Amino acid sequence: MSQKQHFLLLARYNAWMNSTLYGAAERLSPAALTLDRGAYFSSILGTLNHLAVGDIIWLKRFAEHPACSDLRHALSDIEHPAALNASLFDTLGPLHALRTRLDQQISLWVEGLTEPDLEHVLAYRNMQGIPARRLYASLMLHFFNHQTHHRGQLSTLLLQAGQDIGVTDLLALIGDIDAP
């Protein structure tokens, strides 16, 4: 499996899990969504907001790749969040709409990349303004891992709220290979 195929799998996994999480979150009351549960981003809604914030920040960075003008254009109307704990929306509906849009853009972005594109060195500034230069594929791996990390937190927060989201393993999307 090529690097690109791995990233396509991660994009599919991302969209599937986000859909699952939002489905569970929609069964909760606004009070349950915003209840401080002692998580790093406080609540279910706070953590969902952080996932979108992180994705926007990274996607805008990724869009600076010379091959990613479509992504740059698709995100041009979305403001760059000022902080990692920014609250983009205080209700689930518009946040879910943004999440769906981001997941669609993630899939389109990865589909449009070539193997050589993944070897690009991306120069960017972190949230503190410190310059960095890293391999594009390595940053993509961080991007998808960050999502998985916080979705793991969300699965716990949702379970605490009475919503079991079921299977969350990437393995669910990886087909069996018949033995010879």
N, C-alpha and C. Protein backbone atom coordinates (compact mmCIF):
# COMPACT_ATOMS: atom_id res chain seq x y z
N MET A 1 0.85 -1.18 0.00
CA MET A 1 0.00 0.00 0.00
C MET A 1 0.90 1.24 0.00
N SER A 2 0.61 2.17 -0.88
CA SER A 2 1.40 3.40 -0.98
C SER A 2 1.07 4.34 0.18
N GLN A 3 1.94 5.35 0.34
CA GLN A 3 1.66 6.37 1.37
C GLN A 3 0.31 7.02 1.11
N LYS A 4 0.04 7.36 -0.13
CA LYS A 4 -1.22 8.01 -0.46
C LYS A 4 -2.40 7.12 -0.10
N GLN A 5 -2.31 5.83 -0.39
CA GLN A 5 -3.40 4.91 -0.04
C GLN A 5 -3.61 4.86 1.47
N HIS A 6 -2.53 4.92 2.24
CA HIS A 6 -2.67 4.97 3.69
C HIS A 6 -3.41 6.24 4.12
N PHE A 7 -3.05 7.36 3.52
CA PHE A 7 -3.72 8.62 3.88
C PHE A 7 -5.18 8.63 3.42
N LEU A 8 -5.47 8.00 2.28
CA LEU A 8 -6.87 7.88 1.86
C LEU A 8 -7.67 7.06 2.87
N LEU A 9 -7.07 6.00 3.39
CA LEU A 9 -7.70 5.20 4.43
C LEU A 9 -7.94 6.03 5.69
N LEU A 10 -6.95 6.82 6.08
CA LEU A 10 -7.11 7.66 7.26
C LEU A 10 -8.18 8.73 7.05
N ALA A 11 -8.30 9.25 5.85
CA ALA A 11 -9.35 10.23 5.56
C ALA A 11 -10.73 9.58 5.67
N ARG A 12 -10.86 8.35 5.15
CA ARG A 12 -12.13 7.61 5.28
C ARG A 12 -12.45 7.35 6.74
N TYR A 13 -11.45 6.92 7.50
CA TYR A 13 -11.62 6.65 8.93
C TYR A 13 -12.04 7.92 9.66
N ASN A 14 -11.41 9.01 9.35
CA ASN A 14 -11.73 10.30 9.94
C ASN A 14 -13.21 10.65 9.73
N ALA A 15 -13.66 10.57 8.49
CA ALA A 15 -15.06 10.92 8.18
C ALA A 15 -16.03 9.97 8.87
N TRP A 16 -15.73 8.67 8.86
CA TRP A 16 -16.60 7.68 9.50
C TRP A 16 -16.72 7.94 11.00
N MET A 17 -15.58 8.14 11.65
CA MET A 17 -15.61 8.33 13.10
C MET A 17 -16.27 9.66 13.47
N ASN A 18 -16.01 10.71 12.71
CA ASN A 18 -16.66 11.98 13.02
C ASN A 18 -18.17 11.87 12.86
N SER A 19 -18.62 11.17 11.84
CA SER A 19 -20.05 10.96 11.66
C SER A 19 -20.64 10.19 12.85
N THR A 20 -19.92 9.18 13.30
CA THR A 20 -20.36 8.39 14.45
C THR A 20 -20.44 9.24 15.72
N LEU A 21 -19.40 10.05 15.95
CA LEU A 21 -19.37 10.91 17.15
C LEU A 21 -20.50 11.93 17.13
N TYR A 22 -20.70 12.56 15.99
CA TYR A 22 -21.76 13.57 15.91
C TYR A 22 -23.14 12.92 16.05
N GLY A 23 -23.30 11.73 15.52
CA GLY A 23 -24.57 11.02 15.70
C GLY A 23 -24.87 10.79 17.17
N ALA A 24 -23.85 10.40 17.93
CA ALA A 24 -24.03 10.19 19.37
C ALA A 24 -24.26 11.52 20.08
N ALA A 25 -23.51 12.54 19.70
CA ALA A 25 -23.64 13.84 20.36
C ALA A 25 -25.02 14.44 20.13
N GLU A 26 -25.60 14.19 18.95
CA GLU A 26 -26.92 14.74 18.65
C GLU A 26 -28.02 14.14 19.53
N ARG A 27 -27.76 13.03 20.16
CA ARG A 27 -28.75 12.43 21.06
C ARG A 27 -28.70 13.03 22.47
N LEU A 28 -27.76 13.94 22.69
CA LEU A 28 -27.61 14.56 24.01
C LEU A 28 -28.27 15.94 24.05
N SER A 29 -28.60 16.34 25.25
CA SER A 29 -29.16 17.68 25.44
C SER A 29 -28.05 18.72 25.34
N PRO A 30 -28.41 19.98 25.09
CA PRO A 30 -27.39 21.04 25.09
C PRO A 30 -26.62 21.10 26.42
N ALA A 31 -27.32 20.87 27.52
CA ALA A 31 -26.65 20.88 28.82
C ALA A 31 -25.62 19.76 28.94
N ALA A 32 -25.96 18.58 28.42
CA ALA A 32 -25.02 17.45 28.48
C ALA A 32 -23.81 17.71 27.57
N LEU A 33 -24.03 18.40 26.46
CA LEU A 33 -22.94 18.70 25.54
C LEU A 33 -21.94 19.70 26.11
N THR A 34 -22.43 20.60 26.92
CA THR A 34 -21.57 21.68 27.43
C THR A 34 -21.13 21.46 28.87
N LEU A 35 -21.56 20.36 29.49
CA LEU A 35 -21.18 20.06 30.86
C LEU A 35 -19.66 19.89 30.97
N ASP A 36 -19.05 20.56 31.92
CA ASP A 36 -17.61 20.41 32.15
C ASP A 36 -17.37 19.02 32.72
N ARG A 37 -16.70 18.19 31.95
CA ARG A 37 -16.45 16.80 32.33
C ARG A 37 -14.99 16.58 32.76
N GLY A 38 -14.27 17.67 32.98
CA GLY A 38 -12.89 17.56 33.42
C GLY A 38 -11.91 17.22 32.31
N ALA A 39 -12.35 17.32 31.09
CA ALA A 39 -11.47 17.03 29.95
C ALA A 39 -10.61 18.26 29.64
N TYR A 40 -9.59 18.07 28.85
CA TYR A 40 -8.69 19.16 28.53
C TYR A 40 -9.44 20.34 27.91
N PHE A 41 -10.40 20.07 27.05
CA PHE A 41 -11.21 21.12 26.45
C PHE A 41 -12.60 21.16 27.09
N SER A 42 -12.65 20.73 28.34
CA SER A 42 -13.79 20.83 29.25
C SER A 42 -14.95 19.89 28.93
N SER A 43 -15.60 20.11 27.81
CA SER A 43 -16.86 19.43 27.52
C SER A 43 -16.79 18.68 26.19
N ILE A 44 -17.86 17.98 25.90
CA ILE A 44 -17.98 17.32 24.59
C ILE A 44 -17.95 18.38 23.49
N LEU A 45 -18.74 19.43 23.65
CA LEU A 45 -18.77 20.48 22.64
C LEU A 45 -17.42 21.18 22.53
N GLY A 46 -16.77 21.42 23.66
CA GLY A 46 -15.44 22.04 23.63
C GLY A 46 -14.43 21.20 22.88
N THR A 47 -14.49 19.89 23.07
CA THR A 47 -13.56 18.99 22.39
C THR A 47 -13.89 18.89 20.90
N LEU A 48 -15.17 18.86 20.56
CA LEU A 48 -15.56 18.87 19.14
C LEU A 48 -15.10 20.16 18.46
N ASN A 49 -15.22 21.28 19.17
CA ASN A 49 -14.73 22.55 18.64
C ASN A 49 -13.22 22.49 18.42
N HIS A 50 -12.49 21.94 19.39
CA HIS A 50 -11.04 21.85 19.25
C HIS A 50 -10.63 21.02 18.04
N LEU A 51 -11.31 19.92 17.81
CA LEU A 51 -11.01 19.10 16.64
C LEU A 51 -11.16 19.92 15.35
N ALA A 52 -12.23 20.69 15.26
CA ALA A 52 -12.43 21.52 14.07
C ALA A 52 -11.37 22.62 13.99
N VAL A 53 -11.05 23.23 15.11
CA VAL A 53 -10.01 24.27 15.15
C VAL A 53 -8.68 23.70 14.66
N GLY A 54 -8.28 22.57 15.23
CA GLY A 54 -7.02 21.95 14.82
C GLY A 54 -7.00 21.62 13.34
N ASP A 55 -8.10 21.09 12.85
CA ASP A 55 -8.18 20.75 11.43
C ASP A 55 -8.05 21.99 10.55
N ILE A 56 -8.73 23.06 10.93
CA ILE A 56 -8.66 24.29 10.14
C ILE A 56 -7.23 24.82 10.11
N ILE A 57 -6.60 24.87 11.27
CA ILE A 57 -5.22 25.37 11.34
C ILE A 57 -4.31 24.55 10.43
N TRP A 58 -4.37 23.22 10.56
CA TRP A 58 -3.50 22.38 9.75
C TRP A 58 -3.88 22.41 8.28
N LEU A 59 -5.16 22.39 7.95
CA LEU A 59 -5.55 22.41 6.54
C LEU A 59 -5.11 23.70 5.87
N LYS A 60 -5.18 24.81 6.58
CA LYS A 60 -4.70 26.07 6.00
C LYS A 60 -3.19 26.03 5.78
N ARG A 61 -2.47 25.37 6.67
CA ARG A 61 -1.03 25.19 6.46
C ARG A 61 -0.79 24.28 5.25
N PHE A 62 -1.50 23.15 5.22
CA PHE A 62 -1.33 22.20 4.11
C PHE A 62 -1.68 22.84 2.77
N ALA A 63 -2.61 23.77 2.79
CA ALA A 63 -3.05 24.43 1.56
C ALA A 63 -1.96 25.29 0.93
N GLU A 64 -0.90 25.56 1.66
CA GLU A 64 0.21 26.34 1.12
C GLU A 64 1.12 25.51 0.20
N HIS A 65 0.91 24.21 0.18
CA HIS A 65 1.65 23.32 -0.74
C HIS A 65 1.34 23.79 -2.17
N PRO A 66 2.33 23.85 -3.03
CA PRO A 66 2.08 24.31 -4.41
C PRO A 66 0.99 23.51 -5.14
N ALA A 67 0.77 22.27 -4.78
CA ALA A 67 -0.22 21.43 -5.46
C ALA A 67 -1.62 21.55 -4.85
N CYS A 68 -1.81 22.43 -3.87
CA CYS A 68 -3.07 22.44 -3.10
C CYS A 68 -3.87 23.74 -3.26
N SER A 69 -3.87 24.32 -4.44
CA SER A 69 -4.63 25.55 -4.65
C SER A 69 -6.13 25.32 -4.47
N ASP A 70 -6.64 24.14 -4.81
CA ASP A 70 -8.07 23.85 -4.62
C ASP A 70 -8.43 23.88 -3.13
N LEU A 71 -7.57 23.32 -2.30
CA LEU A 71 -7.81 23.34 -0.85
C LEU A 71 -7.75 24.77 -0.33
N ARG A 72 -6.77 25.53 -0.79
CA ARG A 72 -6.63 26.93 -0.37
C ARG A 72 -7.91 27.70 -0.70
N HIS A 73 -8.41 27.49 -1.92
CA HIS A 73 -9.64 28.18 -2.34
C HIS A 73 -10.84 27.71 -1.51
N ALA A 74 -10.94 26.42 -1.27
CA ALA A 74 -12.09 25.86 -0.52
C ALA A 74 -12.15 26.37 0.92
N LEU A 75 -11.01 26.72 1.47
CA LEU A 75 -10.97 27.19 2.87
C LEU A 75 -10.90 28.70 2.99
N SER A 76 -10.92 29.41 1.90
CA SER A 76 -10.68 30.86 1.92
C SER A 76 -11.71 31.63 2.73
N ASP A 77 -12.91 31.11 2.87
CA ASP A 77 -13.94 31.82 3.63
C ASP A 77 -13.97 31.44 5.11
N ILE A 78 -13.06 30.56 5.54
CA ILE A 78 -13.00 30.14 6.94
C ILE A 78 -11.87 30.89 7.62
N GLU A 79 -12.19 31.59 8.69
CA GLU A 79 -11.17 32.34 9.43
C GLU A 79 -10.20 31.41 10.13
N HIS A 80 -8.96 31.87 10.23
CA HIS A 80 -7.94 31.12 10.97
C HIS A 80 -8.23 31.31 12.46
N PRO A 81 -8.43 30.22 13.20
CA PRO A 81 -8.71 30.35 14.64
C PRO A 81 -7.54 31.02 15.37
N ALA A 82 -7.89 31.83 16.37
CA ALA A 82 -6.87 32.57 17.11
C ALA A 82 -6.20 31.72 18.18
N ALA A 83 -6.88 30.66 18.63
CA ALA A 83 -6.34 29.84 19.72
C ALA A 83 -6.84 28.41 19.57
N LEU A 84 -6.09 27.48 20.14
CA LEU A 84 -6.47 26.07 20.06
C LEU A 84 -7.76 25.77 20.82
N ASN A 85 -8.10 26.59 21.79
CA ASN A 85 -9.33 26.38 22.55
C ASN A 85 -10.46 27.30 22.09
N ALA A 86 -10.32 27.85 20.88
CA ALA A 86 -11.37 28.73 20.35
C ALA A 86 -12.68 27.97 20.23
N SER A 87 -13.77 28.67 20.51
CA SER A 87 -15.09 28.10 20.34
C SER A 87 -15.66 28.64 19.03
N LEU A 88 -15.70 27.79 18.03
CA LEU A 88 -16.21 28.21 16.73
C LEU A 88 -17.72 28.38 16.76
N PHE A 89 -18.38 27.45 17.48
CA PHE A 89 -19.84 27.47 17.60
C PHE A 89 -20.23 27.03 19.00
N ASP A 90 -21.27 27.62 19.53
CA ASP A 90 -21.72 27.23 20.87
C ASP A 90 -22.91 26.27 20.84
N THR A 91 -23.27 25.83 19.63
CA THR A 91 -24.30 24.80 19.48
C THR A 91 -23.79 23.77 18.47
N LEU A 92 -24.38 22.59 18.54
CA LEU A 92 -23.90 21.46 17.75
C LEU A 92 -24.22 21.57 16.26
N GLY A 93 -25.39 22.09 15.91
CA GLY A 93 -25.82 22.11 14.51
C GLY A 93 -24.82 22.73 13.55
N PRO A 94 -24.45 24.00 13.77
CA PRO A 94 -23.50 24.62 12.83
C PRO A 94 -22.10 24.00 12.90
N LEU A 95 -21.71 23.50 14.07
CA LEU A 95 -20.42 22.83 14.19
C LEU A 95 -20.43 21.53 13.39
N HIS A 96 -21.54 20.81 13.43
CA HIS A 96 -21.67 19.58 12.64
C HIS A 96 -21.59 19.88 11.15
N ALA A 97 -22.23 20.96 10.72
CA ALA A 97 -22.17 21.35 9.31
C ALA A 97 -20.73 21.66 8.90
N LEU A 98 -20.01 22.37 9.75
CA LEU A 98 -18.61 22.67 9.47
C LEU A 98 -17.78 21.39 9.44
N ARG A 99 -18.04 20.49 10.38
CA ARG A 99 -17.30 19.23 10.45
C ARG A 99 -17.48 18.42 9.16
N THR A 100 -18.72 18.37 8.68
CA THR A 100 -19.02 17.65 7.44
C THR A 100 -18.26 18.28 6.27
N ARG A 101 -18.27 19.59 6.22
CA ARG A 101 -17.55 20.30 5.16
C ARG A 101 -16.05 20.02 5.24
N LEU A 102 -15.48 20.09 6.44
CA LEU A 102 -14.05 19.82 6.60
C LEU A 102 -13.71 18.40 6.18
N ASP A 103 -14.53 17.45 6.59
CA ASP A 103 -14.25 16.05 6.23
C ASP A 103 -14.30 15.84 4.73
N GLN A 104 -15.22 16.51 4.05
CA GLN A 104 -15.28 16.42 2.59
C GLN A 104 -14.01 17.01 1.97
N GLN A 105 -13.57 18.15 2.50
CA GLN A 105 -12.36 18.79 1.98
C GLN A 105 -11.13 17.94 2.24
N ILE A 106 -11.07 17.30 3.41
CA ILE A 106 -9.94 16.42 3.72
C ILE A 106 -9.85 15.30 2.69
N SER A 107 -10.98 14.68 2.39
CA SER A 107 -10.99 13.59 1.41
C SER A 107 -10.57 14.08 0.03
N LEU A 108 -11.10 15.21 -0.40
CA LEU A 108 -10.74 15.77 -1.71
C LEU A 108 -9.26 16.14 -1.76
N TRP A 109 -8.77 16.73 -0.68
CA TRP A 109 -7.36 17.13 -0.61
C TRP A 109 -6.44 15.91 -0.76
N VAL A 110 -6.71 14.86 0.02
CA VAL A 110 -5.85 13.68 -0.04
C VAL A 110 -5.95 13.01 -1.41
N GLU A 111 -7.16 12.94 -1.95
CA GLU A 111 -7.33 12.34 -3.29
C GLU A 111 -6.51 13.07 -4.34
N GLY A 112 -6.38 14.38 -4.20
CA GLY A 112 -5.67 15.19 -5.19
C GLY A 112 -4.15 15.14 -5.08
N LEU A 113 -3.63 14.58 -4.00
CA LEU A 113 -2.17 14.52 -3.83
C LEU A 113 -1.56 13.37 -4.62
N THR A 114 -0.32 13.55 -5.01
CA THR A 114 0.45 12.48 -5.64
C THR A 114 1.54 12.03 -4.66
N GLU A 115 2.12 10.90 -4.93
CA GLU A 115 3.22 10.42 -4.08
C GLU A 115 4.34 11.45 -3.98
N PRO A 116 4.78 12.06 -5.10
CA PRO A 116 5.83 13.09 -4.98
C PRO A 116 5.40 14.29 -4.13
N ASP A 117 4.11 14.65 -4.15
CA ASP A 117 3.63 15.75 -3.31
C ASP A 117 3.91 15.50 -1.84
N LEU A 118 3.86 14.25 -1.44
CA LEU A 118 4.04 13.90 -0.03
C LEU A 118 5.47 14.13 0.44
N GLU A 119 6.41 14.26 -0.49
CA GLU A 119 7.82 14.47 -0.14
C GLU A 119 8.17 15.95 -0.01
N HIS A 120 7.20 16.81 -0.23
CA HIS A 120 7.40 18.26 -0.12
C HIS A 120 7.77 18.63 1.32
N VAL A 121 8.65 19.61 1.48
CA VAL A 121 8.95 20.14 2.81
C VAL A 121 8.09 21.39 3.00
N LEU A 122 7.28 21.36 4.03
CA LEU A 122 6.36 22.47 4.29
C LEU A 122 6.98 23.40 5.32
N ALA A 123 7.06 24.66 4.99
CA ALA A 123 7.50 25.69 5.93
C ALA A 123 6.25 26.37 6.46
N TYR A 124 6.18 26.51 7.78
CA TYR A 124 5.00 27.12 8.41
C TYR A 124 5.42 27.72 9.74
N ARG A 125 4.50 28.40 10.39
CA ARG A 125 4.71 28.92 11.74
C ARG A 125 3.70 28.28 12.66
N ASN A 126 4.17 27.87 13.84
CA ASN A 126 3.24 27.28 14.80
C ASN A 126 2.39 28.38 15.44
N MET A 127 1.54 28.02 16.37
CA MET A 127 0.62 28.99 16.98
C MET A 127 1.35 30.07 17.78
N GLN A 128 2.59 29.82 18.16
CA GLN A 128 3.39 30.82 18.86
C GLN A 128 4.22 31.66 17.88
N GLY A 129 4.08 31.39 16.59
CA GLY A 129 4.80 32.14 15.57
C GLY A 129 6.19 31.62 15.29
N ILE A 130 6.55 30.48 15.84
CA ILE A 130 7.88 29.91 15.65
C ILE A 130 7.92 29.18 14.31
N PRO A 131 8.91 29.51 13.47
CA PRO A 131 8.98 28.84 12.17
C PRO A 131 9.40 27.38 12.29
N ALA A 132 8.88 26.58 11.38
CA ALA A 132 9.22 25.15 11.33
C ALA A 132 9.23 24.72 9.87
N ARG A 133 10.00 23.67 9.60
CA ARG A 133 10.05 23.05 8.27
C ARG A 133 10.02 21.55 8.49
N ARG A 134 8.99 20.90 7.94
CA ARG A 134 8.86 19.46 8.13
C ARG A 134 8.33 18.81 6.86
N LEU A 135 8.59 17.53 6.77
CA LEU A 135 8.13 16.74 5.63
C LEU A 135 6.60 16.69 5.63
N TYR A 136 6.02 16.97 4.49
CA TYR A 136 4.57 17.04 4.33
C TYR A 136 3.89 15.76 4.83
N ALA A 137 4.38 14.60 4.40
CA ALA A 137 3.76 13.33 4.81
C ALA A 137 3.82 13.14 6.32
N SER A 138 4.89 13.56 6.95
CA SER A 138 4.99 13.43 8.41
C SER A 138 3.98 14.33 9.10
N LEU A 139 3.78 15.52 8.56
CA LEU A 139 2.78 16.43 9.13
C LEU A 139 1.37 15.89 8.93
N MET A 140 1.14 15.26 7.79
CA MET A 140 -0.16 14.63 7.56
C MET A 140 -0.41 13.52 8.57
N LEU A 141 0.61 12.75 8.86
CA LEU A 141 0.47 11.69 9.86
C LEU A 141 0.12 12.28 11.21
N HIS A 142 0.79 13.38 11.58
CA HIS A 142 0.45 14.07 12.83
C HIS A 142 -1.01 14.54 12.81
N PHE A 143 -1.43 15.11 11.71
CA PHE A 143 -2.78 15.63 11.54
C PHE A 143 -3.82 14.54 11.84
N PHE A 144 -3.66 13.39 11.20
CA PHE A 144 -4.62 12.30 11.41
C PHE A 144 -4.49 11.70 12.81
N ASN A 145 -3.30 11.63 13.35
CA ASN A 145 -3.12 11.12 14.70
C ASN A 145 -3.76 12.05 15.73
N HIS A 146 -3.64 13.35 15.52
CA HIS A 146 -4.26 14.33 16.43
C HIS A 146 -5.77 14.11 16.50
N GLN A 147 -6.36 13.89 15.34
CA GLN A 147 -7.80 13.65 15.30
C GLN A 147 -8.15 12.39 16.10
N THR A 148 -7.39 11.34 15.88
CA THR A 148 -7.66 10.07 16.57
C THR A 148 -7.52 10.25 18.08
N HIS A 149 -6.51 10.96 18.50
CA HIS A 149 -6.27 11.22 19.93
C HIS A 149 -7.51 11.86 20.57
N HIS A 150 -7.98 12.93 19.98
CA HIS A 150 -9.12 13.64 20.58
C HIS A 150 -10.44 12.90 20.39
N ARG A 151 -10.57 12.13 19.33
CA ARG A 151 -11.79 11.31 19.20
C ARG A 151 -11.81 10.23 20.27
N GLY A 152 -10.64 9.74 20.68
CA GLY A 152 -10.59 8.81 21.80
C GLY A 152 -11.09 9.45 23.06
N GLN A 153 -10.71 10.70 23.29
CA GLN A 153 -11.23 11.43 24.45
C GLN A 153 -12.74 11.59 24.33
N LEU A 154 -13.20 11.92 23.13
CA LEU A 154 -14.64 12.10 22.93
C LEU A 154 -15.42 10.81 23.16
N SER A 155 -14.86 9.68 22.77
CA SER A 155 -15.59 8.43 22.99
C SER A 155 -15.78 8.19 24.48
N THR A 156 -14.79 8.56 25.29
CA THR A 156 -14.92 8.43 26.75
C THR A 156 -15.94 9.43 27.29
N LEU A 157 -15.86 10.68 26.84
CA LEU A 157 -16.81 11.69 27.30
C LEU A 157 -18.24 11.32 26.93
N LEU A 158 -18.42 10.80 25.74
CA LEU A 158 -19.77 10.39 25.32
C LEU A 158 -20.25 9.19 26.12
N LEU A 159 -19.37 8.26 26.42
CA LEU A 159 -19.75 7.12 27.26
C LEU A 159 -20.17 7.59 28.64
N GLN A 160 -19.44 8.56 29.19
CA GLN A 160 -19.82 9.14 30.48
C GLN A 160 -21.21 9.77 30.41
N ALA A 161 -21.59 10.25 29.23
CA ALA A 161 -22.90 10.87 29.03
C ALA A 161 -23.96 9.85 28.62
N GLY A 162 -23.59 8.56 28.59
CA GLY A 162 -24.55 7.52 28.29
C GLY A 162 -24.63 7.11 26.84
N GLN A 163 -23.67 7.53 26.02
CA GLN A 163 -23.68 7.22 24.59
C GLN A 163 -22.47 6.35 24.24
N ASP A 164 -22.71 5.07 24.00
CA ASP A 164 -21.66 4.16 23.59
C ASP A 164 -21.60 4.20 22.06
N ILE A 165 -20.47 4.63 21.51
CA ILE A 165 -20.39 4.77 20.05
C ILE A 165 -19.95 3.49 19.35
N GLY A 166 -19.68 2.44 20.11
CA GLY A 166 -19.36 1.15 19.50
C GLY A 166 -17.92 1.07 19.02
N VAL A 167 -17.72 0.32 17.96
CA VAL A 167 -16.39 0.07 17.42
C VAL A 167 -15.77 1.36 16.91
N THR A 168 -14.52 1.59 17.31
CA THR A 168 -13.80 2.78 16.88
C THR A 168 -12.46 2.45 16.21
N ASP A 169 -12.18 1.20 16.04
CA ASP A 169 -10.88 0.79 15.52
C ASP A 169 -10.77 0.99 14.01
N LEU A 170 -9.62 1.50 13.60
CA LEU A 170 -9.31 1.62 12.18
C LEU A 170 -9.41 0.26 11.49
N LEU A 171 -9.13 -0.78 12.23
CA LEU A 171 -9.19 -2.14 11.70
C LEU A 171 -10.55 -2.45 11.06
N ALA A 172 -11.61 -1.80 11.52
CA ALA A 172 -12.94 -2.03 10.96
C ALA A 172 -13.01 -1.65 9.48
N LEU A 173 -12.11 -0.78 9.02
CA LEU A 173 -12.10 -0.36 7.62
C LEU A 173 -11.06 -1.09 6.78
N ILE A 174 -10.26 -1.93 7.41
CA ILE A 174 -9.22 -2.65 6.69
C ILE A 174 -9.73 -4.05 6.39
N GLY A 175 -9.85 -4.38 5.12
CA GLY A 175 -10.38 -5.68 4.73
C GLY A 175 -9.38 -6.79 4.96
N ASP A 176 -9.92 -8.00 5.15
CA ASP A 176 -9.07 -9.19 5.28
C ASP A 176 -8.39 -9.49 3.95
N ILE A 177 -7.23 -10.07 4.06
CA ILE A 177 -6.51 -10.59 2.90
C ILE A 177 -6.58 -12.10 2.99
N ASP A 178 -7.10 -12.70 1.95
CA ASP A 178 -7.22 -14.17 1.96
C ASP A 178 -5.84 -14.81 2.02
N ALA A 179 -5.72 -15.83 2.87
CA ALA A 179 -4.46 -16.57 2.98
C ALA A 179 -4.27 -17.41 1.72
N PRO A 180 -3.02 -17.62 1.31
CA PRO A 180 -2.78 -18.42 0.10
C PRO A 180 -3.14 -19.88 0.32
